[in-house]
């Protein structure tokens, strides 16, 4: 049974930083690309960043480029999202997901709330 569990969310002031973690179990973690998504109240869920199975290729949505860094530790079955220079518009529930192909995701975590105050 695949399980993805996010942690690290919280309340931070604008300009601050947070590091999210996604702990995976029940899958061969190193075999899959992974991704972070976010969903703000009243909005659709959007892709934030994606990382390939070996960590060698990453993708970021334009609004977070230069501020967020996605990474993974395959030995620990864990993915991370380092978020710097946070803005109020980054406020959302952040979820991790397993990628089965580019653009297709099949398992999701429950999400962790990130709130950025101005």
N, C-alpha and C. Protein backbone atom coordinates (compact mmCIF):
# COMPACT_ATOMS: atom_id res chain seq x y z
N UNK A 1 0.84 -1.19 0.00
CA UNK A 1 0.00 0.00 0.00
C UNK A 1 0.88 1.24 0.00
N UNK A 2 0.70 2.06 -1.03
CA UNK A 2 1.49 3.28 -1.14
C UNK A 2 0.98 4.32 -0.16
N UNK A 3 1.90 4.90 0.58
CA UNK A 3 1.56 6.00 1.49
C UNK A 3 2.54 7.14 1.30
N UNK A 4 2.01 8.34 1.21
CA UNK A 4 2.81 9.55 1.12
C UNK A 4 2.36 10.47 2.25
N UNK A 5 3.30 10.87 3.08
CA UNK A 5 2.97 11.68 4.25
C UNK A 5 3.80 12.95 4.24
N UNK A 6 3.12 14.08 4.15
CA UNK A 6 3.79 15.37 4.14
C UNK A 6 3.94 15.92 5.55
N UNK A 7 4.96 16.72 5.73
CA UNK A 7 5.16 17.42 7.00
C UNK A 7 5.96 18.68 6.74
N UNK A 8 6.01 19.55 7.74
CA UNK A 8 6.82 20.75 7.64
C UNK A 8 6.08 22.03 7.37
N UNK A 9 4.78 21.94 7.16
CA UNK A 9 4.02 23.16 6.92
C UNK A 9 3.88 23.99 8.19
N UNK A 10 3.32 25.18 8.03
CA UNK A 10 3.12 26.04 9.18
C UNK A 10 2.83 27.45 8.78
N UNK A 11 2.91 28.34 9.76
CA UNK A 11 2.67 29.76 9.56
C UNK A 11 4.01 30.49 9.56
N UNK A 12 4.23 31.30 8.54
CA UNK A 12 5.49 32.03 8.43
C UNK A 12 5.20 33.42 7.87
N UNK A 13 6.04 34.36 8.22
CA UNK A 13 5.89 35.71 7.67
C UNK A 13 6.45 35.78 6.26
N UNK A 14 5.94 36.71 5.50
CA UNK A 14 6.45 36.93 4.16
C UNK A 14 7.96 37.15 4.20
N UNK A 15 8.65 36.52 3.26
CA UNK A 15 10.10 36.58 3.23
C UNK A 15 10.78 35.43 3.96
N UNK A 16 9.99 34.69 4.72
CA UNK A 16 10.54 33.59 5.48
C UNK A 16 10.71 32.32 4.66
N UNK A 17 11.09 31.25 5.35
CA UNK A 17 11.37 29.98 4.70
C UNK A 17 10.70 28.83 5.43
N UNK A 18 10.40 27.80 4.67
CA UNK A 18 9.92 26.53 5.22
C UNK A 18 10.50 25.40 4.39
N UNK A 19 10.65 24.25 5.02
CA UNK A 19 11.08 23.05 4.30
C UNK A 19 10.03 21.97 4.49
N UNK A 20 9.43 21.56 3.40
CA UNK A 20 8.45 20.48 3.44
C UNK A 20 9.12 19.15 3.17
N UNK A 21 8.60 18.11 3.79
CA UNK A 21 9.08 16.75 3.54
C UNK A 21 7.91 15.87 3.12
N UNK A 22 8.21 14.89 2.31
CA UNK A 22 7.23 13.89 1.88
C UNK A 22 7.87 12.53 2.09
N UNK A 23 7.39 11.82 3.09
CA UNK A 23 7.91 10.49 3.39
C UNK A 23 7.08 9.44 2.67
N UNK A 24 7.74 8.59 1.91
CA UNK A 24 7.04 7.59 1.10
C UNK A 24 7.27 6.19 1.64
N UNK A 25 6.24 5.37 1.53
CA UNK A 25 6.36 3.95 1.90
C UNK A 25 5.45 3.13 0.99
N UNK A 26 5.75 1.82 0.91
CA UNK A 26 4.93 0.94 0.09
C UNK A 26 5.20 1.01 -1.40
N UNK A 27 6.31 1.60 -1.79
CA UNK A 27 6.68 1.68 -3.20
C UNK A 27 8.19 1.67 -3.32
N UNK A 28 8.66 1.36 -4.51
CA UNK A 28 10.10 1.45 -4.79
C UNK A 28 10.36 2.90 -5.14
N UNK A 29 10.66 3.68 -4.11
CA UNK A 29 10.70 5.14 -4.24
C UNK A 29 11.65 5.59 -5.35
N UNK A 30 12.79 4.95 -5.45
CA UNK A 30 13.82 5.40 -6.40
C UNK A 30 13.41 5.17 -7.86
N UNK A 31 12.33 4.44 -8.06
CA UNK A 31 11.88 4.14 -9.42
C UNK A 31 10.91 5.17 -9.99
N UNK A 32 10.49 6.13 -9.18
CA UNK A 32 9.43 7.04 -9.61
C UNK A 32 9.82 8.50 -9.52
N UNK A 33 9.38 9.25 -10.51
CA UNK A 33 9.38 10.69 -10.37
C UNK A 33 8.37 11.08 -9.31
N UNK A 34 8.59 12.23 -8.71
CA UNK A 34 7.70 12.71 -7.66
C UNK A 34 7.43 14.19 -7.90
N UNK A 35 6.38 14.67 -7.26
CA UNK A 35 6.03 16.07 -7.48
C UNK A 35 5.37 16.68 -6.25
N UNK A 36 5.44 18.01 -6.22
CA UNK A 36 4.70 18.80 -5.22
C UNK A 36 3.61 19.58 -5.95
N UNK A 37 2.43 19.56 -5.35
CA UNK A 37 1.31 20.34 -5.82
C UNK A 37 0.84 21.26 -4.69
N UNK A 38 0.07 22.28 -5.05
CA UNK A 38 -0.56 23.11 -4.03
C UNK A 38 -1.95 23.53 -4.47
N UNK A 39 -2.79 23.72 -3.46
CA UNK A 39 -4.16 24.14 -3.73
C UNK A 39 -4.54 25.21 -2.72
N UNK A 40 -4.81 26.39 -3.24
CA UNK A 40 -5.27 27.51 -2.42
C UNK A 40 -6.79 27.46 -2.33
N UNK A 41 -7.37 28.07 -1.31
CA UNK A 41 -8.83 28.05 -1.15
C UNK A 41 -9.54 28.59 -2.39
N UNK A 42 -10.50 27.83 -2.89
CA UNK A 42 -11.27 28.26 -4.04
C UNK A 42 -10.57 28.14 -5.37
N UNK A 43 -9.39 27.53 -5.38
CA UNK A 43 -8.63 27.41 -6.62
C UNK A 43 -8.34 25.95 -6.93
N UNK A 44 -7.94 25.72 -8.16
CA UNK A 44 -7.58 24.37 -8.57
C UNK A 44 -6.21 23.99 -8.00
N UNK A 45 -5.99 22.69 -7.96
CA UNK A 45 -4.68 22.20 -7.55
C UNK A 45 -3.68 22.40 -8.70
N UNK A 46 -2.54 22.98 -8.38
CA UNK A 46 -1.53 23.30 -9.39
C UNK A 46 -0.21 22.60 -9.09
N UNK A 47 0.46 22.20 -10.14
CA UNK A 47 1.80 21.64 -10.01
C UNK A 47 2.78 22.73 -9.62
N UNK A 48 3.57 22.48 -8.60
CA UNK A 48 4.58 23.42 -8.15
C UNK A 48 5.96 23.03 -8.66
N UNK A 49 6.32 21.77 -8.47
CA UNK A 49 7.64 21.30 -8.87
C UNK A 49 7.60 19.79 -9.05
N UNK A 50 8.50 19.30 -9.89
CA UNK A 50 8.60 17.88 -10.15
C UNK A 50 10.07 17.49 -10.19
N UNK A 51 10.35 16.26 -9.78
CA UNK A 51 11.73 15.76 -9.80
C UNK A 51 11.73 14.35 -10.37
N UNK A 52 12.73 14.05 -11.17
CA UNK A 52 12.84 12.72 -11.77
C UNK A 52 13.25 11.69 -10.74
N UNK A 53 13.19 10.43 -11.13
CA UNK A 53 13.44 9.34 -10.20
C UNK A 53 14.84 9.41 -9.57
N UNK A 54 15.83 9.79 -10.37
CA UNK A 54 17.19 9.86 -9.83
C UNK A 54 17.57 11.26 -9.35
N UNK A 55 16.63 12.18 -9.44
CA UNK A 55 16.88 13.54 -8.97
C UNK A 55 17.61 14.43 -9.95
N UNK A 56 17.92 13.90 -11.13
CA UNK A 56 18.74 14.65 -12.06
C UNK A 56 18.00 15.70 -12.87
N UNK A 57 16.70 15.59 -12.93
CA UNK A 57 15.89 16.54 -13.71
C UNK A 57 14.79 17.11 -12.83
N UNK A 58 14.67 18.42 -12.87
CA UNK A 58 13.64 19.09 -12.09
C UNK A 58 12.86 20.05 -12.96
N UNK A 59 11.68 20.35 -12.50
CA UNK A 59 10.81 21.32 -13.16
C UNK A 59 10.15 22.18 -12.08
N UNK A 60 10.01 23.48 -12.40
CA UNK A 60 9.34 24.40 -11.48
C UNK A 60 8.33 25.24 -12.26
N UNK A 61 7.21 25.48 -11.65
CA UNK A 61 6.30 26.44 -12.23
C UNK A 61 6.92 27.83 -12.12
N UNK A 62 6.59 28.70 -13.04
CA UNK A 62 7.28 29.98 -13.13
C UNK A 62 7.23 30.79 -11.84
N UNK A 63 6.12 30.73 -11.13
CA UNK A 63 5.95 31.58 -9.95
C UNK A 63 6.87 31.23 -8.78
N UNK A 64 7.49 30.05 -8.83
CA UNK A 64 8.37 29.66 -7.71
C UNK A 64 9.82 29.53 -8.12
N UNK A 65 10.12 29.71 -9.40
CA UNK A 65 11.51 29.58 -9.86
C UNK A 65 12.41 30.57 -9.13
N UNK A 66 13.55 30.07 -8.68
CA UNK A 66 14.50 30.90 -7.96
C UNK A 66 14.21 31.02 -6.48
N UNK A 67 13.04 30.55 -6.04
CA UNK A 67 12.69 30.62 -4.62
C UNK A 67 12.53 29.23 -3.99
N UNK A 68 12.02 28.29 -4.74
CA UNK A 68 11.79 26.93 -4.24
C UNK A 68 12.81 25.97 -4.84
N UNK A 69 13.18 24.97 -4.06
CA UNK A 69 14.07 23.91 -4.54
C UNK A 69 13.51 22.55 -4.16
N UNK A 70 13.30 21.71 -5.16
CA UNK A 70 12.84 20.35 -4.92
C UNK A 70 14.04 19.42 -4.90
N UNK A 71 14.02 18.45 -4.01
CA UNK A 71 15.12 17.49 -3.92
C UNK A 71 14.58 16.18 -3.35
N UNK A 72 15.41 15.18 -3.38
CA UNK A 72 15.00 13.88 -2.84
C UNK A 72 16.20 13.13 -2.30
N UNK A 73 15.93 12.25 -1.35
CA UNK A 73 16.93 11.36 -0.79
C UNK A 73 16.38 9.94 -0.95
N UNK A 74 16.82 9.25 -1.98
CA UNK A 74 16.27 7.93 -2.25
C UNK A 74 16.63 6.91 -1.17
N UNK A 75 17.71 7.14 -0.45
CA UNK A 75 18.08 6.24 0.65
C UNK A 75 17.10 6.36 1.81
N UNK A 76 16.46 7.52 1.92
CA UNK A 76 15.51 7.76 3.01
C UNK A 76 14.06 7.74 2.53
N UNK A 77 13.85 7.45 1.25
CA UNK A 77 12.49 7.44 0.69
C UNK A 77 11.75 8.75 1.00
N UNK A 78 12.44 9.83 0.83
CA UNK A 78 11.88 11.13 1.20
C UNK A 78 12.17 12.18 0.13
N UNK A 79 11.17 13.01 -0.13
CA UNK A 79 11.31 14.14 -1.03
C UNK A 79 11.15 15.41 -0.23
N UNK A 80 11.77 16.50 -0.70
CA UNK A 80 11.73 17.76 0.03
C UNK A 80 11.33 18.91 -0.90
N UNK A 81 10.84 19.95 -0.27
CA UNK A 81 10.63 21.21 -0.97
C UNK A 81 11.10 22.33 -0.06
N UNK A 82 12.24 22.92 -0.42
CA UNK A 82 12.76 24.06 0.31
C UNK A 82 12.13 25.31 -0.28
N UNK A 83 11.43 26.05 0.56
CA UNK A 83 10.72 27.24 0.10
C UNK A 83 11.31 28.47 0.78
N UNK A 84 11.90 29.34 -0.02
CA UNK A 84 12.50 30.57 0.48
C UNK A 84 11.74 31.78 -0.07
N UNK A 85 11.97 32.92 0.55
CA UNK A 85 11.35 34.17 0.10
C UNK A 85 9.84 33.99 -0.10
N UNK A 86 9.22 33.41 0.88
CA UNK A 86 7.80 33.09 0.75
C UNK A 86 6.95 34.35 0.65
N UNK A 87 5.88 34.24 -0.12
CA UNK A 87 4.96 35.34 -0.36
C UNK A 87 3.55 34.92 0.10
N UNK A 88 2.71 35.90 0.42
CA UNK A 88 1.33 35.53 0.82
C UNK A 88 0.62 34.67 -0.22
N UNK A 89 0.93 34.89 -1.49
CA UNK A 89 0.27 34.09 -2.54
C UNK A 89 0.75 32.65 -2.59
N UNK A 90 1.76 32.30 -1.79
CA UNK A 90 2.18 30.90 -1.68
C UNK A 90 1.30 30.13 -0.69
N UNK A 91 0.43 30.83 0.01
CA UNK A 91 -0.45 30.17 0.97
C UNK A 91 -1.32 29.14 0.28
N UNK A 92 -1.27 27.89 0.78
CA UNK A 92 -2.01 26.80 0.16
C UNK A 92 -1.78 25.53 0.96
N UNK A 93 -2.53 24.50 0.61
CA UNK A 93 -2.23 23.16 1.09
C UNK A 93 -1.30 22.52 0.06
N UNK A 94 -0.16 22.06 0.54
CA UNK A 94 0.85 21.46 -0.32
C UNK A 94 0.80 19.94 -0.17
N UNK A 95 0.74 19.27 -1.32
CA UNK A 95 0.66 17.81 -1.34
C UNK A 95 1.74 17.23 -2.23
N UNK A 96 2.20 16.06 -1.87
CA UNK A 96 3.14 15.37 -2.75
C UNK A 96 2.41 14.25 -3.50
N UNK A 97 2.97 13.88 -4.62
CA UNK A 97 2.33 12.88 -5.47
C UNK A 97 3.38 12.04 -6.18
N UNK A 98 3.01 10.81 -6.48
CA UNK A 98 3.87 9.94 -7.26
C UNK A 98 3.55 10.10 -8.73
N UNK A 99 4.57 10.21 -9.54
CA UNK A 99 4.41 10.36 -10.97
C UNK A 99 4.60 9.01 -11.65
N UNK A 100 3.63 8.61 -12.48
CA UNK A 100 3.79 7.37 -13.22
C UNK A 100 4.33 7.62 -14.61
N UNK A 101 4.00 8.75 -15.17
CA UNK A 101 4.64 9.25 -16.38
C UNK A 101 4.64 10.76 -16.26
N UNK A 102 5.32 11.43 -17.16
CA UNK A 102 5.31 12.90 -17.10
C UNK A 102 3.87 13.38 -17.25
N UNK A 103 3.41 14.10 -16.25
CA UNK A 103 2.07 14.66 -16.29
C UNK A 103 0.98 13.77 -15.76
N UNK A 104 1.33 12.58 -15.31
CA UNK A 104 0.32 11.67 -14.74
C UNK A 104 0.74 11.26 -13.34
N UNK A 105 -0.21 11.35 -12.41
CA UNK A 105 0.07 11.09 -11.01
C UNK A 105 -1.00 10.15 -10.46
N UNK A 106 -0.58 9.21 -9.62
CA UNK A 106 -1.56 8.23 -9.18
C UNK A 106 -1.76 8.14 -7.68
N UNK A 107 -0.82 8.55 -6.88
CA UNK A 107 -0.99 8.54 -5.43
C UNK A 107 -0.65 9.92 -4.87
N UNK A 108 -1.43 10.32 -3.85
CA UNK A 108 -1.29 11.65 -3.26
C UNK A 108 -1.22 11.54 -1.75
N UNK A 109 -0.50 12.47 -1.14
CA UNK A 109 -0.54 12.58 0.29
C UNK A 109 -1.74 13.39 0.74
N UNK A 110 -1.87 13.53 2.05
CA UNK A 110 -3.04 14.24 2.60
C UNK A 110 -2.84 15.75 2.60
N UNK A 111 -1.61 16.18 2.47
CA UNK A 111 -1.32 17.60 2.39
C UNK A 111 -0.89 18.21 3.71
N UNK A 112 -0.18 19.32 3.60
CA UNK A 112 0.24 20.09 4.76
C UNK A 112 -0.01 21.57 4.46
N UNK A 113 -0.55 22.27 5.43
CA UNK A 113 -0.93 23.67 5.24
C UNK A 113 0.28 24.59 5.37
N UNK A 114 0.42 25.48 4.41
CA UNK A 114 1.42 26.54 4.46
C UNK A 114 0.67 27.87 4.42
N UNK A 115 0.90 28.68 5.42
CA UNK A 115 0.26 29.99 5.49
C UNK A 115 1.33 31.05 5.61
N UNK A 116 1.32 32.01 4.69
CA UNK A 116 2.31 33.08 4.68
C UNK A 116 1.58 34.39 4.99
N UNK A 117 1.96 35.01 6.07
CA UNK A 117 1.32 36.27 6.46
C UNK A 117 2.09 37.46 5.91
N UNK A 118 1.37 38.52 5.63
CA UNK A 118 2.01 39.71 5.05
C UNK A 118 2.46 40.67 6.14
